[in-house]
Amino acid sequence: MLPILLALAFIAILIFILIAGQPDDFIVTRAATFSAPPDKIFPHVNDLHLWQAWSPWAKLDPNCKSTFSGEAAGTGAAMAWEGNGKVGIGKMTITASQPGESVRFRLEFQKPMQATNTAEFTFRPEGNQTVVTWTMQGQCNLTGKIFSLFMNCEKMCGSQFEQGLASLKSLTER
């Protein structure tokens, strides 16, 4: 009986060390080059009403319920959503908006996990093209650290950002 208890204690200590060793914060960044000027791309990010046309999460749950509040677009504009298990429940609010340059968001996730993160889009002209960068960063709480033992969040979110950027690119290059 004692060897079994020692083995279980050893396993518990290993799991604790693995969890404690996970980073305290995260950052996910993806970029794409668009054949469109920043002023053509910017409105599709700055106006949350337009996200349905390109957001990767809109495709995951076409029946997701979205409600808008605050400003129509730009700083103070907000969108809350309630969707299936893939989309969850949350709210995003534009906290800063610089026309043609950047849009920053506060993301508040309620389900499937509670978290508050920051996201930002930047638009950098390069000749006749624009490099659009989508970044999300935040703190990893205990639940997030445990989750990251089983799921590669950077890869999962990164692929969704890539899908969103591809849809936004297709939409704005027409």
Protein backbone atom coordinates (compact mmCIF):
# COMPACT_ATOMS: atom_id res chain seq x y z
CA MET A 1 0.00 0.00 0.00
CA LEU A 2 2.83 2.42 0.86
CA PRO A 3 4.49 2.08 -2.59
CA ILE A 4 1.18 2.95 -4.26
CA LEU A 5 0.73 6.04 -2.05
CA LEU A 6 4.31 7.13 -2.74
CA ALA A 7 3.80 6.65 -6.49
CA LEU A 8 0.58 8.71 -6.39
CA ALA A 9 2.30 11.43 -4.36
CA PHE A 10 5.17 11.46 -6.86
CA ILE A 11 2.74 11.76 -9.78
CA ALA A 12 0.86 14.58 -8.03
CA ILE A 13 4.13 16.45 -7.46
CA LEU A 14 5.10 16.00 -11.11
CA ILE A 15 1.74 17.34 -12.28
CA PHE A 16 2.07 20.31 -9.91
CA ILE A 17 5.57 21.04 -11.26
CA LEU A 18 4.28 20.82 -14.87
CA ILE A 19 1.42 23.22 -14.13
CA ALA A 20 3.60 25.64 -12.15
CA GLY A 21 6.15 25.60 -14.98
CA GLN A 22 3.66 26.88 -17.55
CA PRO A 23 4.12 30.56 -18.53
CA ASP A 24 2.19 33.19 -16.59
CA ASP A 25 1.17 35.00 -19.77
CA PHE A 26 0.71 34.28 -23.47
CA ILE A 27 0.82 36.06 -26.79
CA VAL A 28 -0.52 34.91 -30.16
CA THR A 29 0.38 36.88 -33.29
CA ARG A 30 -0.34 36.33 -36.95
CA ALA A 31 0.17 38.64 -39.92
CA ALA A 32 -0.85 38.71 -43.57
CA THR A 33 -0.05 40.98 -46.48
CA PHE A 34 -3.08 42.50 -48.22
CA SER A 35 -3.23 44.04 -51.69
CA ALA A 36 -5.34 46.88 -50.36
CA PRO A 37 -4.62 50.16 -48.57
CA PRO A 38 -5.10 50.40 -44.78
CA ASP A 39 -8.14 52.69 -45.16
CA LYS A 40 -9.99 49.94 -47.07
CA ILE A 41 -9.23 47.23 -44.45
CA PHE A 42 -9.56 49.31 -41.27
CA PRO A 43 -13.38 49.79 -41.33
CA HIS A 44 -13.95 45.99 -41.38
CA VAL A 45 -12.11 45.69 -38.06
CA ASN A 46 -13.18 48.99 -36.49
CA ASP A 47 -16.93 48.36 -37.01
CA LEU A 48 -17.94 45.27 -35.04
CA HIS A 49 -21.14 44.98 -37.09
CA LEU A 50 -18.94 44.01 -40.06
CA TRP A 51 -17.12 41.14 -38.31
CA GLN A 52 -19.79 38.59 -39.25
CA ALA A 53 -18.55 38.72 -42.86
CA TRP A 54 -14.99 37.58 -42.05
CA SER A 55 -14.65 36.41 -38.44
CA PRO A 56 -13.50 32.78 -38.09
CA TRP A 57 -15.92 32.34 -35.18
CA ALA A 58 -18.93 33.32 -37.31
CA LYS A 59 -18.29 30.17 -39.36
CA LEU A 60 -18.04 28.01 -36.21
CA ASP A 61 -21.52 29.06 -35.09
CA PRO A 62 -23.71 30.76 -37.72
CA ASN A 63 -26.52 30.89 -35.10
CA CYS A 64 -24.46 32.81 -32.55
CA LYS A 65 -26.43 35.68 -30.98
CA SER A 66 -24.60 39.00 -31.06
CA THR A 67 -25.69 42.23 -29.37
CA PHE A 68 -24.05 45.60 -29.91
CA SER A 69 -23.70 48.50 -27.50
CA GLY A 70 -21.81 51.75 -27.15
CA GLU A 71 -20.58 53.61 -30.18
CA ALA A 72 -21.45 52.46 -33.72
CA ALA A 73 -17.73 51.92 -34.44
CA GLY A 74 -14.36 52.82 -32.96
CA THR A 75 -13.50 53.45 -29.33
CA GLY A 76 -16.39 52.46 -27.07
CA ALA A 77 -18.07 50.13 -29.55
CA ALA A 78 -18.85 46.75 -28.00
CA MET A 79 -20.22 43.39 -29.08
CA ALA A 80 -21.39 40.63 -26.77
CA TRP A 81 -21.95 37.12 -28.08
CA GLU A 82 -23.56 33.92 -26.94
CA GLY A 83 -22.93 30.86 -29.05
CA ASN A 84 -22.34 27.15 -29.06
CA GLY A 85 -19.50 25.37 -27.22
CA LYS A 86 -16.98 26.32 -29.92
CA VAL A 87 -17.73 30.04 -29.64
CA GLY A 88 -18.79 30.38 -26.02
CA ILE A 89 -20.01 33.53 -24.31
CA GLY A 90 -18.15 36.81 -24.08
CA LYS A 91 -17.81 40.46 -24.95
CA MET A 92 -15.31 42.58 -26.82
CA THR A 93 -14.96 46.33 -26.53
CA ILE A 94 -12.83 48.61 -28.66
CA THR A 95 -10.58 50.49 -26.25
CA ALA A 96 -8.47 52.40 -28.79
CA SER A 97 -8.87 53.16 -32.46
CA GLN A 98 -6.42 55.01 -34.69
CA PRO A 99 -7.86 55.25 -38.24
CA GLY A 100 -5.80 53.28 -40.73
CA GLU A 101 -3.22 52.36 -38.04
CA SER A 102 -4.62 50.18 -35.25
CA VAL A 103 -7.62 48.93 -33.30
CA ARG A 104 -7.27 47.59 -29.73
CA PHE A 105 -9.84 45.46 -27.89
CA ARG A 106 -10.64 44.25 -24.41
CA LEU A 107 -11.85 40.64 -24.68
CA GLU A 108 -13.90 39.26 -21.83
CA PHE A 109 -14.56 35.54 -22.09
CA GLN A 110 -17.16 33.97 -19.79
CA LYS A 111 -17.53 30.48 -21.28
CA PRO A 112 -16.05 27.96 -21.85
CA MET A 113 -13.37 29.60 -19.65
CA GLN A 114 -13.27 32.93 -17.88
CA ALA A 115 -10.48 35.21 -19.05
CA THR A 116 -9.83 38.83 -19.90
CA ASN A 117 -7.34 39.46 -22.69
CA THR A 118 -6.21 42.24 -24.99
CA ALA A 119 -6.28 41.99 -28.77
CA GLU A 120 -4.97 44.40 -31.36
CA PHE A 121 -4.93 44.80 -35.12
CA THR A 122 -2.24 46.94 -36.70
CA PHE A 123 -2.14 48.11 -40.31
CA ARG A 124 1.30 48.88 -41.78
CA PRO A 125 1.50 50.14 -45.36
CA GLU A 126 4.24 48.63 -47.54
CA GLY A 127 4.16 50.15 -50.99
CA ASN A 128 0.81 49.24 -52.56
CA GLN A 129 0.14 46.64 -49.89
CA THR A 130 -0.69 46.54 -46.18
CA VAL A 131 0.63 44.19 -43.55
CA VAL A 132 -2.18 43.41 -41.12
CA THR A 133 -1.08 41.97 -37.78
CA TRP A 134 -3.53 40.40 -35.31
CA THR A 135 -2.24 39.91 -31.77
CA MET A 136 -3.89 38.66 -28.58
CA GLN A 137 -2.22 38.59 -25.19
CA GLY A 138 -3.21 37.89 -21.64
CA GLN A 139 -2.47 36.20 -18.35
CA CYS A 140 -2.65 32.44 -17.82
CA ASN A 141 -4.62 31.60 -14.70
CA LEU A 142 -4.54 28.13 -13.12
CA THR A 143 -7.27 26.83 -15.44
CA GLY A 144 -5.41 28.17 -18.47
CA LYS A 145 -2.18 26.55 -17.34
CA ILE A 146 -3.90 23.19 -16.88
CA PHE A 147 -5.64 23.55 -20.25
CA SER A 148 -2.31 24.31 -21.95
CA LEU A 149 -0.96 20.93 -20.82
CA PHE A 150 -3.44 19.26 -23.18
CA MET A 151 -4.05 21.86 -25.90
CA ASN A 152 -1.63 24.06 -27.81
CA CYS A 153 -3.51 27.36 -27.42
CA GLU A 154 -1.01 29.31 -29.54
CA LYS A 155 -1.51 26.92 -32.44
CA MET A 156 -5.29 26.73 -31.98
CA CYS A 157 -5.85 30.50 -31.72
CA GLY A 158 -3.16 31.15 -34.34
CA SER A 159 -4.94 29.00 -36.91
CA GLN A 160 -8.20 30.86 -36.21
CA PHE A 161 -6.37 34.18 -36.67
CA GLU A 162 -4.96 32.88 -39.97
CA GLN A 163 -8.47 31.92 -41.14
CA GLY A 164 -9.83 35.32 -40.12
CA LEU A 165 -7.03 37.19 -41.84
CA ALA A 166 -7.55 35.13 -45.01
CA SER A 167 -11.29 35.92 -45.00
CA LEU A 168 -10.63 39.61 -44.30
CA LYS A 169 -8.06 39.65 -47.11
CA SER A 170 -10.49 38.05 -49.56
CA LEU A 171 -13.22 40.51 -48.57
CA THR A 172 -11.09 43.65 -48.85
CA GLU A 173 -9.21 42.71 -52.02
CA ARG A 174 -12.40 42.34 -54.10
